[in-house]
Amino acid sequence: MVSQGLLVVVVVSFLTTWLLRRYALSRSIIDIPNARSSHTVPTPRGGGVAIVLSFLAALPVLAASGFLTGATLWAMLGAGAGIAVLGFLDDHGHIAARWRLLGHFAASIWALYWLGGLPAISLFGLELNLAWLGHVLAVFYLVWLLNLYNFMDGIDGIASVEAICACLGACLLYWLGDFETLIVTPLVLAMAVGGFLYWNFPPARIFMGDAGSGFLGIILGLLSLQAAWVSSKLLWVWLILLGVFIVDATVTLIRRLLRGDKVYEAHRSHAYQFASRRYGRHLPVTLAVAAINVLWLLPLAAAVVLLDMDGALALVVAYVPLVLLAIKFHAGELEKA
């Protein structure tokens, strides 16, 4: 029954992306390359709505089947739909950054209200209950994650591959670590993204757009917090699995802030963007992200679940090479003329 449902999600996402591509072409909703783009060919955008619709439609079914609590259902439905609508409107007509940010905070607060905020976390062997401060930090965590996912959706297939690797990696570790009750929701998200990826894999025939990237960012964040309420070490697992995006976006932001750049302005100074220009194609970079996820980050996340490695220590071990790699590929530097 579950396998049939997953197949339906993939097919719905695939067909909806096809319809959205036709719609975007008919309405001239096209991403035109400019000086800040990592693309050279005009391409329709907004295909990420297919991920949104196929995943959100599955949530009530998951709740009715006992795979999802009512609180998590409302958290993901409300926050996910809100971020997707905001992104969709921005895809069709620019919305000022301050209003987008206000919407991001509102959606995050809504979701955390239903989830109960941030649970106690284990930090280098110490159990920390941050109370209201933890809830504030969780809001900023969700806002940053959804924005960085938007920032990192800049070359063909990269945001889809990252989401699929993180979700399937988490599902594998849930299965191995006896957290089976958490498996189905991230698996459904991976299937929704998989149907879209067919159209977005390099060379992309449609882009995800802000509606899809922001939606993925906040849903992945909510999956990590949902897991943290089951076991605090699972929060570290998700932070490790999402390490490529978190490190590249954060290093880039810090270096641009230190230089005094207007960080809300479009740019193409992420490490992955420099890498795609160096190699002249998007495919090698997208495949490299998948390889890092599978060969480096997943084993470290597995050590946290299966070998009881301290989550914070595993995170440091995972991130140090990623920071060095981001610096090697000039994350946050000015592009040379």
C-alpha atoms as a PDB file:
ATOM      1  CA  MET A   1       0.000   0.000   0.000  1.00  0.00           C
ATOM      2  CA  VAL A   2       2.801   2.405   0.914  1.00  0.00           C
ATOM      3  CA  SER A   3       4.749   1.571  -2.250  1.00  0.00           C
ATOM      4  CA  GLN A   4       1.685   2.273  -4.396  1.00  0.00           C
ATOM      5  CA  GLY A   5       1.209   5.609  -2.653  1.00  0.00           C
ATOM      6  CA  LEU A   6       4.841   6.553  -3.278  1.00  0.00           C
ATOM      7  CA  LEU A   7       4.440   5.716  -6.965  1.00  0.00           C
ATOM      8  CA  VAL A   8       1.383   7.972  -7.134  1.00  0.00           C
ATOM      9  CA  VAL A   9       3.380  10.843  -5.605  1.00  0.00           C
ATOM     10  CA  VAL A  10       6.163  10.436  -8.191  1.00  0.00           C
ATOM     11  CA  VAL A  11       3.713  10.315 -11.103  1.00  0.00           C
ATOM     12  CA  VAL A  12       1.697  13.305  -9.850  1.00  0.00           C
ATOM     13  CA  SER A  13       4.876  15.344  -9.404  1.00  0.00           C
ATOM     14  CA  PHE A  14       6.163  14.329 -12.844  1.00  0.00           C
ATOM     15  CA  LEU A  15       2.913  15.170 -14.664  1.00  0.00           C
ATOM     16  CA  THR A  16       2.348  18.397 -12.721  1.00  0.00           C
ATOM     17  CA  THR A  17       5.851  19.585 -13.622  1.00  0.00           C
ATOM     18  CA  TRP A  18       5.092  18.863 -17.282  1.00  0.00           C
ATOM     19  CA  LEU A  19       1.892  20.912 -17.041  1.00  0.00           C
ATOM     20  CA  LEU A  20       3.660  23.748 -15.245  1.00  0.00           C
ATOM     21  CA  ARG A  21       6.314  23.831 -17.961  1.00  0.00           C
ATOM     22  CA  ARG A  22       3.643  24.192 -20.635  1.00  0.00           C
ATOM     23  CA  TYR A  23       1.943  26.892 -18.550  1.00  0.00           C
ATOM     24  CA  ALA A  24       5.200  28.809 -18.035  1.00  0.00           C
ATOM     25  CA  LEU A  25       6.014  28.673 -21.749  1.00  0.00           C
ATOM     26  CA  SER A  26       2.521  29.859 -22.710  1.00  0.00           C
ATOM     27  CA  ARG A  27       2.645  32.762 -20.224  1.00  0.00           C
ATOM     28  CA  SER A  28       6.312  33.619 -20.920  1.00  0.00           C
ATOM     29  CA  ILE A  29       7.295  32.907 -17.308  1.00  0.00           C
ATOM     30  CA  ILE A  30      10.902  32.530 -18.354  1.00  0.00           C
ATOM     31  CA  ASP A  31      14.176  32.969 -16.492  1.00  0.00           C
ATOM     32  CA  ILE A  32      16.265  35.179 -18.781  1.00  0.00           C
ATOM     33  CA  PRO A  33      20.033  34.863 -18.187  1.00  0.00           C
ATOM     34  CA  ASN A  34      21.775  37.990 -16.886  1.00  0.00           C
ATOM     35  CA  ALA A  35      25.075  38.947 -15.288  1.00  0.00           C
ATOM     36  CA  ARG A  36      24.021  37.285 -12.012  1.00  0.00           C
ATOM     37  CA  SER A  37      22.848  34.033 -13.589  1.00  0.00           C
ATOM     38  CA  SER A  38      24.597  30.686 -13.740  1.00  0.00           C
ATOM     39  CA  HIS A  39      22.652  29.818 -16.908  1.00  0.00           C
ATOM     40  CA  THR A  40      23.023  30.803 -20.555  1.00  0.00           C
ATOM     41  CA  VAL A  41      19.716  29.552 -21.996  1.00  0.00           C
ATOM     42  CA  PRO A  42      16.278  31.113 -21.250  1.00  0.00           C
ATOM     43  CA  THR A  43      14.336  28.501 -19.262  1.00  0.00           C
ATOM     44  CA  PRO A  44      10.804  28.370 -17.810  1.00  0.00           C
ATOM     45  CA  ARG A  45      10.609  28.594 -14.028  1.00  0.00           C
ATOM     46  CA  GLY A  46       8.159  27.712 -11.265  1.00  0.00           C
ATOM     47  CA  GLY A  47       8.302  23.923 -11.583  1.00  0.00           C
ATOM     48  CA  GLY A  48       8.821  23.527  -7.843  1.00  0.00           C
ATOM     49  CA  VAL A  49       5.071  24.036  -7.404  1.00  0.00           C
ATOM     50  CA  ALA A  50       4.755  20.391  -8.479  1.00  0.00           C
ATOM     51  CA  ILE A  51       6.770  19.344  -5.416  1.00  0.00           C
ATOM     52  CA  VAL A  52       4.567  21.495  -3.211  1.00  0.00           C
ATOM     53  CA  LEU A  53       1.259  20.175  -4.539  1.00  0.00           C
ATOM     54  CA  SER A  54       2.215  16.498  -4.596  1.00  0.00           C
ATOM     55  CA  PHE A  55       3.719  16.569  -1.096  1.00  0.00           C
ATOM     56  CA  LEU A  56       1.019  18.656   0.594  1.00  0.00           C
ATOM     57  CA  ALA A  57      -1.721  16.546  -0.988  1.00  0.00           C
ATOM     58  CA  ALA A  58      -0.142  13.448   0.541  1.00  0.00           C
ATOM     59  CA  LEU A  59       0.051  14.859   4.080  1.00  0.00           C
ATOM     60  CA  PRO A  60      -3.626  14.358   5.065  1.00  0.00           C
ATOM     61  CA  VAL A  61      -3.394  10.775   3.774  1.00  0.00           C
ATOM     62  CA  LEU A  62      -0.291  10.207   5.910  1.00  0.00           C
ATOM     63  CA  ALA A  63      -2.065  11.635   8.948  1.00  0.00           C
ATOM     64  CA  ALA A  64      -5.181   9.518   8.365  1.00  0.00           C
ATOM     65  CA  SER A  65      -2.959   6.435   8.025  1.00  0.00           C
ATOM     66  CA  GLY A  66      -1.171   7.136  11.296  1.00  0.00           C
ATOM     67  CA  PHE A  67       2.187   8.045   9.775  1.00  0.00           C
ATOM     68  CA  LEU A  68       1.924  11.686  10.860  1.00  0.00           C
ATOM     69  CA  THR A  69       0.590  13.363  13.998  1.00  0.00           C
ATOM     70  CA  GLY A  70      -2.081  16.034  13.722  1.00  0.00           C
ATOM     71  CA  ALA A  71       0.307  18.675  15.080  1.00  0.00           C
ATOM     72  CA  THR A  72       2.969  17.887  12.471  1.00  0.00           C
ATOM     73  CA  LEU A  73       0.310  17.861   9.765  1.00  0.00           C
ATOM     74  CA  TRP A  74      -0.797  21.397  10.607  1.00  0.00           C
ATOM     75  CA  ALA A  75       2.779  22.598  11.008  1.00  0.00           C
ATOM     76  CA  MET A  76       3.784  21.401   7.544  1.00  0.00           C
ATOM     77  CA  LEU A  77       0.532  22.295   5.805  1.00  0.00           C
ATOM     78  CA  GLY A  78       0.394  25.832   7.145  1.00  0.00           C
ATOM     79  CA  ALA A  79       4.068  26.744   6.934  1.00  0.00           C
ATOM     80  CA  GLY A  80       4.691  24.890   3.682  1.00  0.00           C
ATOM     81  CA  ALA A  81       1.686  26.338   1.881  1.00  0.00           C
ATOM     82  CA  GLY A  82       2.420  29.840   3.177  1.00  0.00           C
ATOM     83  CA  ILE A  83       6.036  29.794   2.011  1.00  0.00           C
ATOM     84  CA  ALA A  84       5.064  28.269  -1.333  1.00  0.00           C
ATOM     85  CA  VAL A  85       2.402  30.929  -2.002  1.00  0.00           C
ATOM     86  CA  LEU A  86       4.835  33.694  -1.060  1.00  0.00           C
ATOM     87  CA  GLY A  87       7.469  32.222  -3.365  1.00  0.00           C
ATOM     88  CA  PHE A  88       4.939  31.770  -6.176  1.00  0.00           C
ATOM     89  CA  LEU A  89       3.921  35.424  -5.960  1.00  0.00           C
ATOM     90  CA  ASP A  90       7.571  36.461  -5.951  1.00  0.00           C
ATOM     91  CA  ASP A  91       8.214  34.273  -9.012  1.00  0.00           C
ATOM     92  CA  HIS A  92       5.421  36.087 -10.856  1.00  0.00           C
ATOM     93  CA  GLY A  93       6.128  39.608  -9.599  1.00  0.00           C
ATOM     94  CA  HIS A  94       8.809  40.887  -7.253  1.00  0.00           C
ATOM     95  CA  ILE A  95       7.941  41.144  -3.541  1.00  0.00           C
ATOM     96  CA  ALA A  96      10.104  43.410  -1.378  1.00  0.00           C
ATOM     97  CA  ALA A  97      12.664  41.548   0.726  1.00  0.00           C
ATOM     98  CA  ARG A  98      11.236  42.879   4.024  1.00  0.00           C
ATOM     99  CA  TRP A  99       7.774  41.475   3.264  1.00  0.00           C
ATOM    100  CA  ARG A 100       9.202  38.123   2.203  1.00  0.00           C
ATOM    101  CA  LEU A 101      11.205  37.977   5.426  1.00  0.00           C
ATOM    102  CA  LEU A 102       8.132  38.837   7.486  1.00  0.00           C
ATOM    103  CA  GLY A 103       6.278  35.979   5.812  1.00  0.00           C
ATOM    104  CA  HIS A 104       9.197  33.627   6.520  1.00  0.00           C
ATOM    105  CA  PHE A 105       9.131  34.466  10.227  1.00  0.00           C
ATOM    106  CA  ALA A 106       5.343  34.127  10.390  1.00  0.00           C
ATOM    107  CA  ALA A 107       5.431  30.686   8.756  1.00  0.00           C
ATOM    108  CA  SER A 108       8.236  29.533  11.042  1.00  0.00           C
ATOM    109  CA  ILE A 109       6.451  30.706  14.175  1.00  0.00           C
ATOM    110  CA  TRP A 110       3.257  28.971  13.029  1.00  0.00           C
ATOM    111  CA  ALA A 111       5.091  25.688  12.503  1.00  0.00           C
ATOM    112  CA  LEU A 112       6.935  25.838  15.819  1.00  0.00           C
ATOM    113  CA  TYR A 113       3.688  26.550  17.654  1.00  0.00           C
ATOM    114  CA  TRP A 114       2.346  23.204  16.439  1.00  0.00           C
ATOM    115  CA  LEU A 115       5.591  21.291  16.911  1.00  0.00           C
ATOM    116  CA  GLY A 116       6.186  22.634  20.408  1.00  0.00           C
ATOM    117  CA  GLY A 117       9.347  24.580  19.620  1.00  0.00           C
ATOM    118  CA  LEU A 118      12.853  23.204  20.075  1.00  0.00           C
ATOM    119  CA  PRO A 119      13.254  20.144  22.326  1.00  0.00           C
ATOM    120  CA  ALA A 120      16.185  19.601  24.669  1.00  0.00           C
ATOM    121  CA  ILE A 121      19.382  18.965  22.717  1.00  0.00           C
ATOM    122  CA  SER A 122      22.577  17.100  23.515  1.00  0.00           C
ATOM    123  CA  LEU A 123      25.724  19.205  23.065  1.00  0.00           C
ATOM    124  CA  PHE A 124      29.082  17.477  23.620  1.00  0.00           C
ATOM    125  CA  GLY A 125      27.483  15.175  26.146  1.00  0.00           C
ATOM    126  CA  LEU A 126      25.503  17.858  27.966  1.00  0.00           C
ATOM    127  CA  GLU A 127      21.709  17.850  27.848  1.00  0.00           C
ATOM    128  CA  LEU A 128      20.539  21.421  27.239  1.00  0.00           C
ATOM    129  CA  ASN A 129      16.974  22.652  27.612  1.00  0.00           C
ATOM    130  CA  LEU A 130      17.100  26.195  26.241  1.00  0.00           C
ATOM    131  CA  ALA A 131      13.395  26.895  26.941  1.00  0.00           C
ATOM    132  CA  TRP A 132      12.209  30.130  25.265  1.00  0.00           C
ATOM    133  CA  LEU A 133      15.695  30.874  23.907  1.00  0.00           C
ATOM    134  CA  GLY A 134      15.630  27.538  22.123  1.00  0.00           C
ATOM    135  CA  HIS A 135      12.317  28.423  20.503  1.00  0.00           C
ATOM    136  CA  VAL A 136      13.734  31.755  19.282  1.00  0.00           C
ATOM    137  CA  LEU A 137      16.792  29.992  17.892  1.00  0.00           C
ATOM    138  CA  ALA A 138      14.527  27.463  16.176  1.00  0.00           C
ATOM    139  CA  VAL A 139      12.642  30.268  14.410  1.00  0.00           C
ATOM    140  CA  PHE A 140      15.881  31.727  13.066  1.00  0.00           C
ATOM    141  CA  TYR A 141      17.042  28.234  12.114  1.00  0.00           C
ATOM    142  CA  LEU A 142      13.953  27.664   9.964  1.00  0.00           C
ATOM    143  CA  VAL A 143      14.155  31.125   8.387  1.00  0.00           C
ATOM    144  CA  TRP A 144      17.834  30.644   7.556  1.00  0.00           C
ATOM    145  CA  LEU A 145      17.291  27.147   6.172  1.00  0.00           C
ATOM    146  CA  LEU A 146      14.513  28.193   3.818  1.00  0.00           C
ATOM    147  CA  ASN A 147      16.506  31.192   2.615  1.00  0.00           C
ATOM    148  CA  LEU A 148      19.755  29.306   2.147  1.00  0.00           C
ATOM    149  CA  TYR A 149      17.880  26.687   0.144  1.00  0.00           C
ATOM    150  CA  ASN A 150      16.707  29.488  -2.107  1.00  0.00           C
ATOM    151  CA  PHE A 151      20.278  30.792  -2.412  1.00  0.00           C
ATOM    152  CA  MET A 152      21.648  27.333  -3.233  1.00  0.00           C
ATOM    153  CA  ASP A 153      19.097  26.646  -5.976  1.00  0.00           C
ATOM    154  CA  GLY A 154      21.285  28.208  -8.643  1.00  0.00           C
ATOM    155  CA  ILE A 155      22.348  25.417 -10.994  1.00  0.00           C
ATOM    156  CA  ASP A 156      20.518  22.538 -12.615  1.00  0.00           C
ATOM    157  CA  GLY A 157      19.429  19.747 -10.295  1.00  0.00           C
ATOM    158  CA  ILE A 158      21.461  20.747  -7.233  1.00  0.00           C
ATOM    159  CA  ALA A 159      18.569  21.594  -4.890  1.00  0.00           C
ATOM    160  CA  SER A 160      16.639  18.477  -5.928  1.00  0.00           C
ATOM    161  CA  VAL A 161      19.643  16.178  -5.497  1.00  0.00           C
ATOM    162  CA  GLU A 162      20.419  17.656  -2.077  1.00  0.00           C
ATOM    163  CA  ALA A 163      16.844  17.113  -0.868  1.00  0.00           C
ATOM    164  CA  ILE A 164      16.679  13.548  -2.180  1.00  0.00           C
ATOM    165  CA  CYS A 165      20.063  12.609  -0.675  1.00  0.00           C
ATOM    166  CA  ALA A 166      19.147  14.104   2.715  1.00  0.00           C
ATOM    167  CA  CYS A 167      15.695  12.497   2.819  1.00  0.00           C
ATOM    168  CA  LEU A 168      16.776   9.049   1.665  1.00  0.00           C
ATOM    169  CA  GLY A 169      19.812   9.174   3.931  1.00  0.00           C
ATOM    170  CA  ALA A 170      17.592  10.014   6.898  1.00  0.00           C
ATOM    171  CA  CYS A 171      15.166   7.217   5.947  1.00  0.00           C
ATOM    172  CA  LEU A 172      18.004   4.696   5.846  1.00  0.00           C
ATOM    173  CA  LEU A 173      19.248   5.769   9.275  1.00  0.00           C
ATOM    174  CA  TYR A 174      15.706   5.745  10.694  1.00  0.00           C
ATOM    175  CA  TRP A 175      15.389   2.146   9.528  1.00  0.00           C
ATOM    176  CA  LEU A 176      18.777   1.069  10.865  1.00  0.00           C
ATOM    177  CA  GLY A 177      18.308   2.933  14.137  1.00  0.00           C
ATOM    178  CA  ASP A 178      14.791   1.653  14.929  1.00  0.00           C
ATOM    179  CA  PHE A 179      13.023   4.947  14.235  1.00  0.00           C
ATOM    180  CA  GLU A 180      10.686   3.435  11.641  1.00  0.00           C
ATOM    181  CA  THR A 181       7.756   5.678  12.577  1.00  0.00           C
ATOM    182  CA  LEU A 182       9.626   8.635  11.053  1.00  0.00           C
ATOM    183  CA  ILE A 183      10.437   7.060   7.683  1.00  0.00           C
ATOM    184  CA  VAL A 184       7.380   7.673   5.534  1.00  0.00           C
ATOM    185  CA  THR A 185       7.186  11.489   5.485  1.00  0.00           C
ATOM    186  CA  PRO A 186      10.746  12.180   4.236  1.00  0.00           C
ATOM    187  CA  LEU A 187      10.334   9.276   1.809  1.00  0.00           C
ATOM    188  CA  VAL A 188       7.232  10.938   0.349  1.00  0.00           C
ATOM    189  CA  LEU A 189       9.139  14.223   0.027  1.00  0.00           C
ATOM    190  CA  ALA A 190      11.970  12.438  -1.799  1.00  0.00           C
ATOM    191  CA  MET A 191       9.435  10.949  -4.241  1.00  0.00           C
ATOM    192  CA  ALA A 192       7.826  14.354  -4.838  1.00  0.00           C
ATOM    193  CA  VAL A 193      11.226  15.846  -5.616  1.00  0.00           C
ATOM    194  CA  GLY A 194      12.139  12.846  -7.771  1.00  0.00           C
ATOM    195  CA  GLY A 195       9.216  13.433 -10.133  1.00  0.00           C
ATOM    196  CA  PHE A 196      10.350  17.031 -10.585  1.00  0.00           C
ATOM    197  CA  LEU A 197      14.040  16.122 -10.944  1.00  0.00           C
ATOM    198  CA  TYR A 198      13.365  14.368 -14.260  1.00  0.00           C
ATOM    199  CA  TRP A 199      12.675  17.812 -15.732  1.00  0.00           C
ATOM    200  CA  ASN A 200      15.295  19.667 -13.700  1.00  0.00           C
ATOM    201  CA  PHE A 201      18.286  17.353 -14.163  1.00  0.00           C
ATOM    202  CA  PRO A 202      21.116  18.961 -16.158  1.00  0.00           C
ATOM    203  CA  PRO A 203      20.411  20.373 -18.654  1.00  0.00           C
ATOM    204  CA  ALA A 204      17.238  21.622 -16.950  1.00  0.00           C
ATOM    205  CA  ARG A 205      14.025  22.032 -18.912  1.00  0.00           C
ATOM    206  CA  ILE A 206      12.383  23.963 -16.074  1.00  0.00           C
ATOM    207  CA  PHE A 207      13.657  25.653 -12.910  1.00  0.00           C
ATOM    208  CA  MET A 208      12.345  25.130  -9.409  1.00  0.00           C
ATOM    209  CA  GLY A 209      11.669  28.785  -8.579  1.00  0.00           C
ATOM    210  CA  ASP A 210      11.301  30.379  -5.155  1.00  0.00           C
ATOM    211  CA  ALA A 211       8.024  28.550  -4.489  1.00  0.00           C
ATOM    212  CA  GLY A 212       9.801  25.200  -4.576  1.00  0.00           C
ATOM    213  CA  SER A 213      13.158  26.072  -3.032  1.00  0.00           C
ATOM    214  CA  GLY A 214      11.760  27.945  -0.043  1.00  0.00           C
ATOM    215  CA  PHE A 215       9.198  25.191   0.488  1.00  0.00           C
ATOM    216  CA  LEU A 216      11.904  22.519   0.505  1.00  0.00           C
ATOM    217  CA  GLY A 217      14.006  24.532   2.938  1.00  0.00           C
ATOM    218  CA  ILE A 218      11.304  24.912   5.556  1.00  0.00           C
ATOM    219  CA  ILE A 219       9.957  21.352   5.183  1.00  0.00           C
ATOM    220  CA  LEU A 220      13.444  19.880   5.603  1.00  0.00           C
ATOM    221  CA  GLY A 221      13.852  22.055   8.687  1.00  0.00           C
ATOM    222  CA  LEU A 222      10.544  20.815  10.086  1.00  0.00           C
ATOM    223  CA  LEU A 223      11.507  17.205   9.413  1.00  0.00           C
ATOM    224  CA  SER A 224      14.678  17.766  11.432  1.00  0.00           C
ATOM    225  CA  LEU A 225      12.770  19.282  14.359  1.00  0.00           C
ATOM    226  CA  GLN A 226      10.108  16.556  14.209  1.00  0.00           C
ATOM    227  CA  ALA A 227      12.908  13.981  14.468  1.00  0.00           C
ATOM    228  CA  ALA A 228      14.585  15.888  17.318  1.00  0.00           C
ATOM    229  CA  TRP A 229      11.463  15.434  19.446  1.00  0.00           C
ATOM    230  CA  VAL A 230      11.875  11.661  19.034  1.00  0.00           C
ATOM    231  CA  SER A 231      15.631  11.660  19.727  1.00  0.00           C
ATOM    232  CA  SER A 232      17.927  14.665  20.135  1.00  0.00           C
ATOM    233  CA  LYS A 233      20.692  12.985  18.138  1.00  0.00           C
ATOM    234  CA  LEU A 234      18.503  12.990  15.041  1.00  0.00           C
ATOM    235  CA  LEU A 235      18.721  16.785  14.852  1.00  0.00           C
ATOM    236  CA  TRP A 236      22.482  16.413  14.427  1.00  0.00           C
ATOM    237  CA  VAL A 237      21.864  13.778  11.766  1.00  0.00           C
ATOM    238  CA  TRP A 238      19.836  16.213   9.665  1.00  0.00           C
ATOM    239  CA  LEU A 239      22.332  19.052  10.170  1.00  0.00           C
ATOM    240  CA  ILE A 240      25.097  16.743   8.955  1.00  0.00           C
ATOM    241  CA  LEU A 241      23.115  15.476   5.960  1.00  0.00           C
ATOM    242  CA  LEU A 242      22.340  19.068   4.883  1.00  0.00           C
ATOM    243  CA  GLY A 243      25.953  20.112   5.408  1.00  0.00           C
ATOM    244  CA  VAL A 244      26.820  20.966   1.793  1.00  0.00           C
ATOM    245  CA  PHE A 245      24.093  23.604   1.557  1.00  0.00           C
ATOM    246  CA  ILE A 246      24.467  24.913   5.112  1.00  0.00           C
ATOM    247  CA  VAL A 247      28.238  25.386   4.856  1.00  0.00           C
ATOM    248  CA  ASP A 248      28.361  26.904   1.365  1.00  0.00           C
ATOM    249  CA  ALA A 249      25.533  29.357   2.085  1.00  0.00           C
ATOM    250  CA  THR A 250      26.824  30.317   5.543  1.00  0.00           C
ATOM    251  CA  VAL A 251      30.464  30.819   4.508  1.00  0.00           C
ATOM    252  CA  THR A 252      29.298  32.870   1.529  1.00  0.00           C
ATOM    253  CA  LEU A 253      27.017  35.021   3.700  1.00  0.00           C
ATOM    254  CA  ILE A 254      29.702  35.669   6.346  1.00  0.00           C
ATOM    255  CA  ARG A 255      32.328  36.697   3.789  1.00  0.00           C
ATOM    256  CA  ARG A 256      29.893  39.001   1.980  1.00  0.00           C
ATOM    257  CA  LEU A 257      28.823  40.568   5.294  1.00  0.00           C
ATOM    258  CA  LEU A 258      32.441  41.176   6.269  1.00  0.00           C
ATOM    259  CA  ARG A 259      33.026  42.854   2.901  1.00  0.00           C
ATOM    260  CA  GLY A 260      29.985  45.083   3.394  1.00  0.00           C
ATOM    261  CA  ASP A 261      27.937  43.723   0.491  1.00  0.00           C
ATOM    262  CA  LYS A 262      24.176  44.129   0.344  1.00  0.00           C
ATOM    263  CA  VAL A 263      23.421  40.508   1.141  1.00  0.00           C
ATOM    264  CA  TYR A 264      19.834  40.687  -0.088  1.00  0.00           C
ATOM    265  CA  GLU A 265      20.977  41.469  -3.639  1.00  0.00           C
ATOM    266  CA  ALA A 266      21.325  38.685  -6.213  1.00  0.00           C
ATOM    267  CA  HIS A 267      24.835  37.371  -6.792  1.00  0.00           C
ATOM    268  CA  ARG A 268      26.651  34.291  -7.992  1.00  0.00           C
ATOM    269  CA  SER A 269      29.475  33.997  -5.482  1.00  0.00           C
ATOM    270  CA  HIS A 270      28.585  30.686  -3.841  1.00  0.00           C
ATOM    271  CA  ALA A 271      31.233  27.976  -4.025  1.00  0.00           C
ATOM    272  CA  TYR A 272      29.022  25.778  -6.202  1.00  0.00           C
ATOM    273  CA  GLN A 273      28.563  28.649  -8.675  1.00  0.00           C
ATOM    274  CA  PHE A 274      32.308  29.261  -8.936  1.00  0.00           C
ATOM    275  CA  ALA A 275      32.762  25.500  -9.403  1.00  0.00           C
ATOM    276  CA  SER A 276      30.185  25.322 -12.196  1.00  0.00           C
ATOM    277  CA  ARG A 277      31.953  28.146 -14.042  1.00  0.00           C
ATOM    278  CA  ARG A 278      35.345  26.499 -13.552  1.00  0.00           C
ATOM    279  CA  TYR A 279      34.149  23.218 -15.060  1.00  0.00           C
ATOM    280  CA  GLY A 280      31.911  24.858 -17.642  1.00  0.00           C
ATOM    281  CA  ARG A 281      28.907  22.655 -16.836  1.00  0.00           C
ATOM    282  CA  HIS A 282      26.410  22.114 -14.040  1.00  0.00           C
ATOM    283  CA  LEU A 283      26.351  18.306 -14.116  1.00  0.00           C
ATOM    284  CA  PRO A 284      29.806  17.656 -12.545  1.00  0.00           C
ATOM    285  CA  VAL A 285      29.008  19.957  -9.620  1.00  0.00           C
ATOM    286  CA  THR A 286      25.565  18.464  -9.000  1.00  0.00           C
ATOM    287  CA  LEU A 287      27.025  14.941  -9.102  1.00  0.00           C
ATOM    288  CA  ALA A 288      29.841  16.017  -6.764  1.00  0.00           C
ATOM    289  CA  VAL A 289      27.257  17.229  -4.244  1.00  0.00           C
ATOM    290  CA  ALA A 290      25.571  13.823  -4.403  1.00  0.00           C
ATOM    291  CA  ALA A 291      28.920  12.086  -3.921  1.00  0.00           C
ATOM    292  CA  ILE A 292      29.802  14.216  -0.876  1.00  0.00           C
ATOM    293  CA  ASN A 293      26.418  13.428   0.635  1.00  0.00           C
ATOM    294  CA  VAL A 294      26.680   9.679   0.111  1.00  0.00           C
ATOM    295  CA  LEU A 295      30.392   9.080   0.708  1.00  0.00           C
ATOM    296  CA  TRP A 296      31.181  11.619   3.448  1.00  0.00           C
ATOM    297  CA  LEU A 297      28.134  13.015   5.228  1.00  0.00           C
ATOM    298  CA  LEU A 298      25.966   9.883   5.354  1.00  0.00           C
ATOM    299  CA  PRO A 299      28.662   7.736   7.049  1.00  0.00           C
ATOM    300  CA  LEU A 300      29.210  10.417   9.706  1.00  0.00           C
ATOM    301  CA  ALA A 301      25.469  10.730  10.300  1.00  0.00           C
ATOM    302  CA  ALA A 302      25.351   6.936  10.555  1.00  0.00           C
ATOM    303  CA  ALA A 303      28.077   7.040  13.223  1.00  0.00           C
ATOM    304  CA  VAL A 304      25.814   9.274  15.324  1.00  0.00           C
ATOM    305  CA  VAL A 305      22.860   6.876  15.079  1.00  0.00           C
ATOM    306  CA  LEU A 306      24.591   3.505  15.095  1.00  0.00           C
ATOM    307  CA  LEU A 307      27.832   4.095  17.018  1.00  0.00           C
ATOM    308  CA  ASP A 308      26.589   6.750  19.461  1.00  0.00           C
ATOM    309  CA  MET A 309      29.198   9.241  18.255  1.00  0.00           C
ATOM    310  CA  ASP A 310      28.549  12.638  19.822  1.00  0.00           C
ATOM    311  CA  GLY A 311      26.389  14.576  17.365  1.00  0.00           C
ATOM    312  CA  ALA A 312      28.131  17.926  17.832  1.00  0.00           C
ATOM    313  CA  LEU A 313      31.549  16.311  17.381  1.00  0.00           C
ATOM    314  CA  ALA A 314      30.381  14.518  14.227  1.00  0.00           C
ATOM    315  CA  LEU A 315      29.046  17.832  12.916  1.00  0.00           C
ATOM    316  CA  VAL A 316      32.434  19.508  13.402  1.00  0.00           C
ATOM    317  CA  VAL A 317      34.226  16.611  11.702  1.00  0.00           C
ATOM    318  CA  ALA A 318      31.729  16.772   8.823  1.00  0.00           C
ATOM    319  CA  TYR A 319      31.848  20.530   8.366  1.00  0.00           C
ATOM    320  CA  VAL A 320      35.590  21.282   8.574  1.00  0.00           C
ATOM    321  CA  PRO A 321      36.428  19.785   5.144  1.00  0.00           C
ATOM    322  CA  LEU A 322      33.305  21.416   3.684  1.00  0.00           C
ATOM    323  CA  VAL A 323      34.431  24.829   4.961  1.00  0.00           C
ATOM    324  CA  LEU A 324      37.871  24.298   3.429  1.00  0.00           C
ATOM    325  CA  LEU A 325      36.259  23.201   0.168  1.00  0.00           C
ATOM    326  CA  ALA A 326      34.015  26.282   0.156  1.00  0.00           C
ATOM    327  CA  ILE A 327      37.056  28.520   0.669  1.00  0.00           C
ATOM    328  CA  LYS A 328      38.987  26.654  -2.049  1.00  0.00           C
ATOM    329  CA  PHE A 329      36.159  27.399  -4.464  1.00  0.00           C
ATOM    330  CA  HIS A 330      36.060  31.098  -3.435  1.00  0.00           C
ATOM    331  CA  ALA A 331      32.698  31.117  -1.601  1.00  0.00           C
ATOM    332  CA  GLY A 332      31.713  34.731  -0.949  1.00  0.00           C
ATOM    333  CA  GLU A 333      34.541  36.261  -2.988  1.00  0.00           C
ATOM    334  CA  LEU A 334      34.035  38.857  -5.681  1.00  0.00           C
ATOM    335  CA  GLU A 335      33.902  37.401  -9.151  1.00  0.00           C
ATOM    336  CA  LYS A 336      36.953  38.372 -11.172  1.00  0.00           C
ATOM    337  CA  ALA A 337      36.231  40.391 -14.276  1.00  0.00           C
END
